[in-house]
Protein backbone atom coordinates (compact mmCIF):
# COMPACT_ATOMS: atom_id res chain seq x y z
CA UNK A 1 -50.20 -3.93 13.34
CA UNK A 2 -46.91 -1.68 15.07
CA UNK A 3 -46.85 1.46 15.63
CA UNK A 4 -44.08 2.21 13.01
CA UNK A 5 -46.59 -0.30 10.45
CA UNK A 6 -48.91 1.94 10.75
CA UNK A 7 -47.34 5.42 9.92
CA UNK A 8 -46.80 6.21 6.28
CA UNK A 9 -44.96 3.79 3.76
CA UNK A 10 -43.00 6.63 2.46
CA UNK A 11 -41.69 6.67 6.45
CA UNK A 12 -41.13 2.83 6.09
CA UNK A 13 -39.36 3.17 3.07
CA UNK A 14 -36.41 6.25 4.96
CA UNK A 15 -36.02 3.04 7.94
CA UNK A 16 -35.61 0.39 5.33
CA UNK A 17 -32.80 2.47 3.93
CA UNK A 18 -31.27 3.81 7.05
CA UNK A 19 -30.85 0.12 8.07
CA UNK A 20 -29.57 -1.31 4.97
CA UNK A 21 -27.30 2.08 4.82
CA UNK A 22 -26.25 1.44 9.04
CA UNK A 23 -25.36 -2.96 8.23
CA UNK A 24 -23.00 -1.49 4.95
CA UNK A 25 -21.36 1.37 7.38
CA UNK A 26 -21.28 -1.56 10.56
CA UNK A 27 -18.96 -3.86 7.80
CA UNK A 28 -16.36 -0.80 7.69
CA UNK A 29 -16.48 -0.07 10.88
CA UNK A 30 -14.99 -3.60 12.04
CA UNK A 31 -12.63 -3.62 9.57
CA UNK A 32 -12.01 -0.23 10.01
CA UNK A 33 -11.78 -1.28 13.89
CA UNK A 34 -9.38 -4.88 12.24
CA UNK A 35 -6.68 -2.07 11.18
CA UNK A 36 -6.60 -0.19 13.33
CA UNK A 37 -6.23 -2.59 16.37
CA UNK A 38 -8.65 -0.95 18.92
CA UNK A 39 -12.29 0.71 19.60
CA UNK A 40 -12.74 4.12 17.15
CA UNK A 41 -13.90 6.74 19.96
CA UNK A 42 -15.16 9.20 16.96
CA UNK A 43 -17.29 6.61 15.04
CA UNK A 44 -18.93 5.56 18.50
CA UNK A 45 -20.22 9.32 19.20
CA UNK A 46 -21.45 9.36 16.10
CA UNK A 47 -23.21 6.30 15.98
CA UNK A 48 -24.54 7.39 19.32
CA UNK A 49 -26.37 9.96 17.44
CA UNK A 50 -26.85 8.81 14.17
CA UNK A 51 -29.39 6.52 17.07
CA UNK A 52 -30.70 9.60 18.89
CA UNK A 53 -32.47 11.07 16.22
CA UNK A 54 -33.82 8.01 14.76
CA UNK A 55 -36.05 7.71 17.93
CA UNK A 56 -36.63 11.33 17.75
CA UNK A 57 -37.93 10.32 14.70
CA UNK A 58 -39.74 7.08 15.68
CA UNK A 59 -41.58 8.92 18.68
CA UNK A 60 -42.50 12.39 16.55
CA UNK A 61 -46.26 11.98 15.21
CA UNK A 62 -44.65 14.66 12.85
CA UNK A 63 -43.89 12.93 9.56
CA UNK A 64 -41.40 15.78 8.38
CA UNK A 65 -40.31 15.89 11.36
CA UNK A 66 -39.58 13.13 11.16
CA UNK A 67 -38.55 12.68 7.59
CA UNK A 68 -35.22 14.90 8.76
CA UNK A 69 -34.29 13.46 11.71
CA UNK A 70 -33.49 10.08 9.60
CA UNK A 71 -31.70 12.53 7.25
CA UNK A 72 -29.53 13.63 10.34
CA UNK A 73 -29.26 10.28 11.88
CA UNK A 74 -28.72 9.11 8.32
CA UNK A 75 -25.88 12.64 7.81
CA UNK A 76 -23.98 10.73 10.62
CA UNK A 77 -23.58 7.58 9.23
CA UNK A 78 -21.84 9.00 6.32
CA UNK A 79 -19.42 10.78 8.70
CA UNK A 80 -18.71 7.61 10.57
CA UNK A 81 -17.63 6.37 6.70
CA UNK A 82 -15.48 8.46 5.75
CA UNK A 83 -14.12 8.47 9.55
CA UNK A 84 -13.86 4.67 8.61
CA UNK A 85 -12.73 4.80 4.88
CA UNK A 86 -9.77 7.00 5.60
CA UNK A 87 -8.53 4.96 8.68
CA UNK A 88 -8.36 2.04 6.30
CA UNK A 89 -7.09 4.25 3.73
CA UNK A 90 -3.95 5.40 5.23
CA UNK A 91 -4.16 1.80 6.55
CA UNK A 92 -3.98 0.29 2.61
CA UNK A 93 -0.92 3.54 1.44
CA UNK A 94 1.36 2.36 4.68
CA UNK A 95 1.03 -0.88 4.34
CA UNK A 96 1.41 -1.86 0.44
CA UNK A 97 4.30 0.79 0.81
CA UNK A 98 5.78 -1.00 4.21
CA UNK A 99 5.28 -4.64 2.54
CA UNK A 100 7.21 -3.43 -1.01
CA UNK A 101 10.07 -1.47 1.01
CA UNK A 102 12.64 -4.80 1.50
CA UNK A 103 12.05 -5.10 -2.86
CA UNK A 104 14.32 -4.36 -5.29
CA UNK A 105 12.06 -2.65 -8.67
CA UNK A 106 13.84 -5.99 -10.70
CA UNK A 107 12.36 -8.61 -8.17
CA UNK A 108 9.00 -6.30 -7.89
CA UNK A 109 8.81 -6.46 -11.26
CA UNK A 110 9.63 -9.87 -11.86
CA UNK A 111 7.14 -10.88 -9.54
CA UNK A 112 3.98 -8.39 -10.03
CA UNK A 113 4.50 -6.73 -13.67
CA UNK A 114 1.56 -4.42 -13.18
CA UNK A 115 2.54 -3.10 -11.09
CA UNK A 116 4.93 -0.39 -11.80
CA UNK A 117 2.46 0.46 -15.24
CA UNK A 118 -0.35 -0.23 -13.53
CA UNK A 119 -0.97 -0.49 -9.77
CA UNK A 120 2.07 2.61 -8.31
CA UNK A 121 -0.11 5.02 -10.81
CA UNK A 122 -3.68 3.72 -10.00
CA UNK A 123 -2.80 4.75 -6.51
CA UNK A 124 -1.62 7.92 -6.87
CA UNK A 125 -4.57 8.79 -8.49
CA UNK A 126 -7.18 7.07 -5.47
CA UNK A 127 -5.10 9.11 -3.12
CA UNK A 128 -5.98 12.22 -5.28
CA UNK A 129 -9.57 10.56 -6.01
CA UNK A 130 -9.93 10.02 -1.75
CA UNK A 131 -9.28 13.52 -0.11
CA UNK A 132 -11.84 15.27 -3.29
CA UNK A 133 -14.51 12.68 -1.34
CA UNK A 134 -13.20 13.46 1.71
CA UNK A 135 -13.14 17.08 1.67
CA UNK A 136 -16.79 17.53 -0.88
CA UNK A 137 -18.67 14.91 0.57
CA UNK A 138 -21.33 16.18 -2.23
CA UNK A 139 -21.09 15.49 -5.93
CA UNK A 140 -21.00 19.06 -7.00
CA UNK A 141 -22.24 17.37 -10.65
CA UNK A 142 -24.90 15.48 -9.48
CA UNK A 143 -25.87 17.20 -5.44
CA UNK A 144 -25.59 13.27 -4.40
CA UNK A 145 -23.45 11.97 -1.48
CA UNK A 146 -20.50 10.46 -2.36
CA UNK A 147 -19.61 7.78 -0.28
CA UNK A 148 -20.18 4.86 -3.56
CA UNK A 149 -16.96 6.75 -4.79
CA UNK A 150 -14.93 6.69 -1.82
CA UNK A 151 -16.03 3.12 -0.78
CA UNK A 152 -15.42 2.18 -4.04
CA UNK A 153 -12.00 3.48 -3.89
CA UNK A 154 -11.88 1.88 -0.50
CA UNK A 155 -12.61 -1.88 -1.30
CA UNK A 156 -10.37 -0.76 -5.39
CA UNK A 157 -6.94 -0.36 -2.28
CA UNK A 158 -8.10 -2.95 -0.70
CA UNK A 159 -7.80 -5.31 -3.65
CA UNK A 160 -4.46 -4.28 -4.55
CA UNK A 161 -3.37 -4.68 -0.66
CA UNK A 162 -4.67 -8.01 -1.71
CA UNK A 163 -3.06 -8.75 -4.45
CA UNK A 164 0.17 -7.41 -2.92
CA UNK A 165 -0.29 -9.99 0.18
CA UNK A 166 -0.47 -12.25 -1.97
CA UNK A 167 2.45 -12.09 -3.59
CA UNK A 168 4.98 -12.38 -0.76
CA UNK A 169 6.35 -15.75 -0.57
CA UNK A 170 6.82 -15.21 -4.55
CA UNK A 171 9.14 -11.42 -3.29
CA UNK A 172 11.03 -12.94 -0.92
CA UNK A 173 11.34 -16.46 -2.68
CA UNK A 174 12.88 -14.31 -5.39
CA UNK A 175 14.70 -12.12 -3.43
CA UNK A 176 16.84 -14.91 -1.55
CA UNK A 177 17.95 -16.15 -4.79
CA UNK A 178 18.69 -11.96 -6.13
CA UNK A 179 21.03 -12.02 -2.75
CA UNK A 180 22.74 -15.64 -3.22
CA UNK A 181 23.62 -15.13 -6.64
CA UNK A 182 24.91 -11.30 -5.17
CA UNK A 183 26.79 -13.64 -2.64
CA UNK A 184 28.19 -15.83 -5.48
CA UNK A 185 29.45 -13.12 -6.77
CA UNK A 186 30.87 -11.28 -3.78
CA UNK A 187 33.05 -14.67 -3.26
CA UNK A 188 34.03 -15.49 -7.26
CA UNK A 189 35.06 -11.36 -8.08
CA UNK A 190 37.57 -11.69 -5.36
CA UNK A 191 38.82 -15.20 -6.25
CA UNK A 192 39.35 -14.15 -10.03
CA UNK A 193 40.75 -10.32 -8.53
CA UNK A 194 43.56 -12.20 -6.22
CA UNK A 195 44.47 -14.57 -9.37
CA UNK A 196 44.23 -11.83 -11.95
CA UNK A 197 46.32 -10.11 -9.21
CA UNK A 198 49.30 -13.52 -8.74
CA UNK A 199 49.54 -14.52 -12.42
CA UNK A 200 50.39 -10.46 -13.13
CA UNK A 201 52.86 -9.65 -10.22
CA UNK A 202 54.32 -13.14 -11.35
CA UNK A 203 54.60 -12.58 -14.83
CA UNK A 204 55.68 -9.02 -13.60
CA UNK A 205 58.43 -10.61 -11.64
CA UNK A 206 59.15 -12.83 -15.09
CA UNK A 207 59.52 -9.64 -16.39
CA UNK A 208 61.92 -7.79 -14.67
CA UNK A 209 64.25 -11.69 -14.22
CA UNK A 210 64.31 -11.07 -18.08
CA UNK A 211 64.94 -7.34 -17.87
CA UNK A 212 68.37 -8.37 -15.57
CA UNK A 213 69.14 -11.79 -18.02
CA UNK A 214 69.34 -9.41 -20.78
CA UNK A 215 72.21 -6.40 -18.69
CA UNK A 216 74.29 -9.32 -17.35
CA UNK A 217 74.90 -10.47 -20.72
CA UNK A 218 75.59 -7.16 -21.84
CA UNK A 219 78.38 -6.68 -18.98
CA UNK A 220 80.40 -9.88 -19.86
CA UNK A 221 81.31 -8.86 -23.11
CA UNK A 222 82.87 -5.45 -21.14
CA UNK A 223 84.64 -6.65 -18.12
CA UNK A 224 86.96 -8.75 -20.80
CA UNK A 225 87.94 -6.37 -23.51
CA UNK A 226 89.35 -4.33 -20.62
CA UNK A 227 91.22 -7.81 -18.58
């Protein structure tokens, strides 16, 4: 039996919970680094501090002291999570805005009918929720860490990003159709204007000719009388 297994069951349970938390946090670190494009130094420092506390816990023969060290190790993991989720959140908000920027309201509404009535208001609320989670970290009512709330908000953000990304081909197609229609009218309208101007000019010229003939006819009898 290993030395850890000889420790109180509560101690072993704390280590198991820590390991499960670490695996979840690790996934978010990798995801954040994928969005960020490089290793995040702050997370490395927090992870180092976390494992430093774990080593102290495993070396300590005092269970209460070891328990405190494990809880301190967890607090560093939570900081890593909040940092990573903040980076992911900022990336997703920026990416959604960037992806939709080239398209008009009508095109977005046609391709993603839920965007303006549902998704966009939800994005605004998620910004507030993430800010509150980041600011408070501890739920004032339950006293529990707000890691779950933060994680749920980020997962929802990623789902929204996926919805937008999968809609891009259809947005592009609709945008091309709209541009083709606009180009068609850019060609047709000048032609219509040109034809209208032509007939208006022609009609005005005919009117002037008729007026001139009438004037000539009025002048002819006058000239005969004078003779």
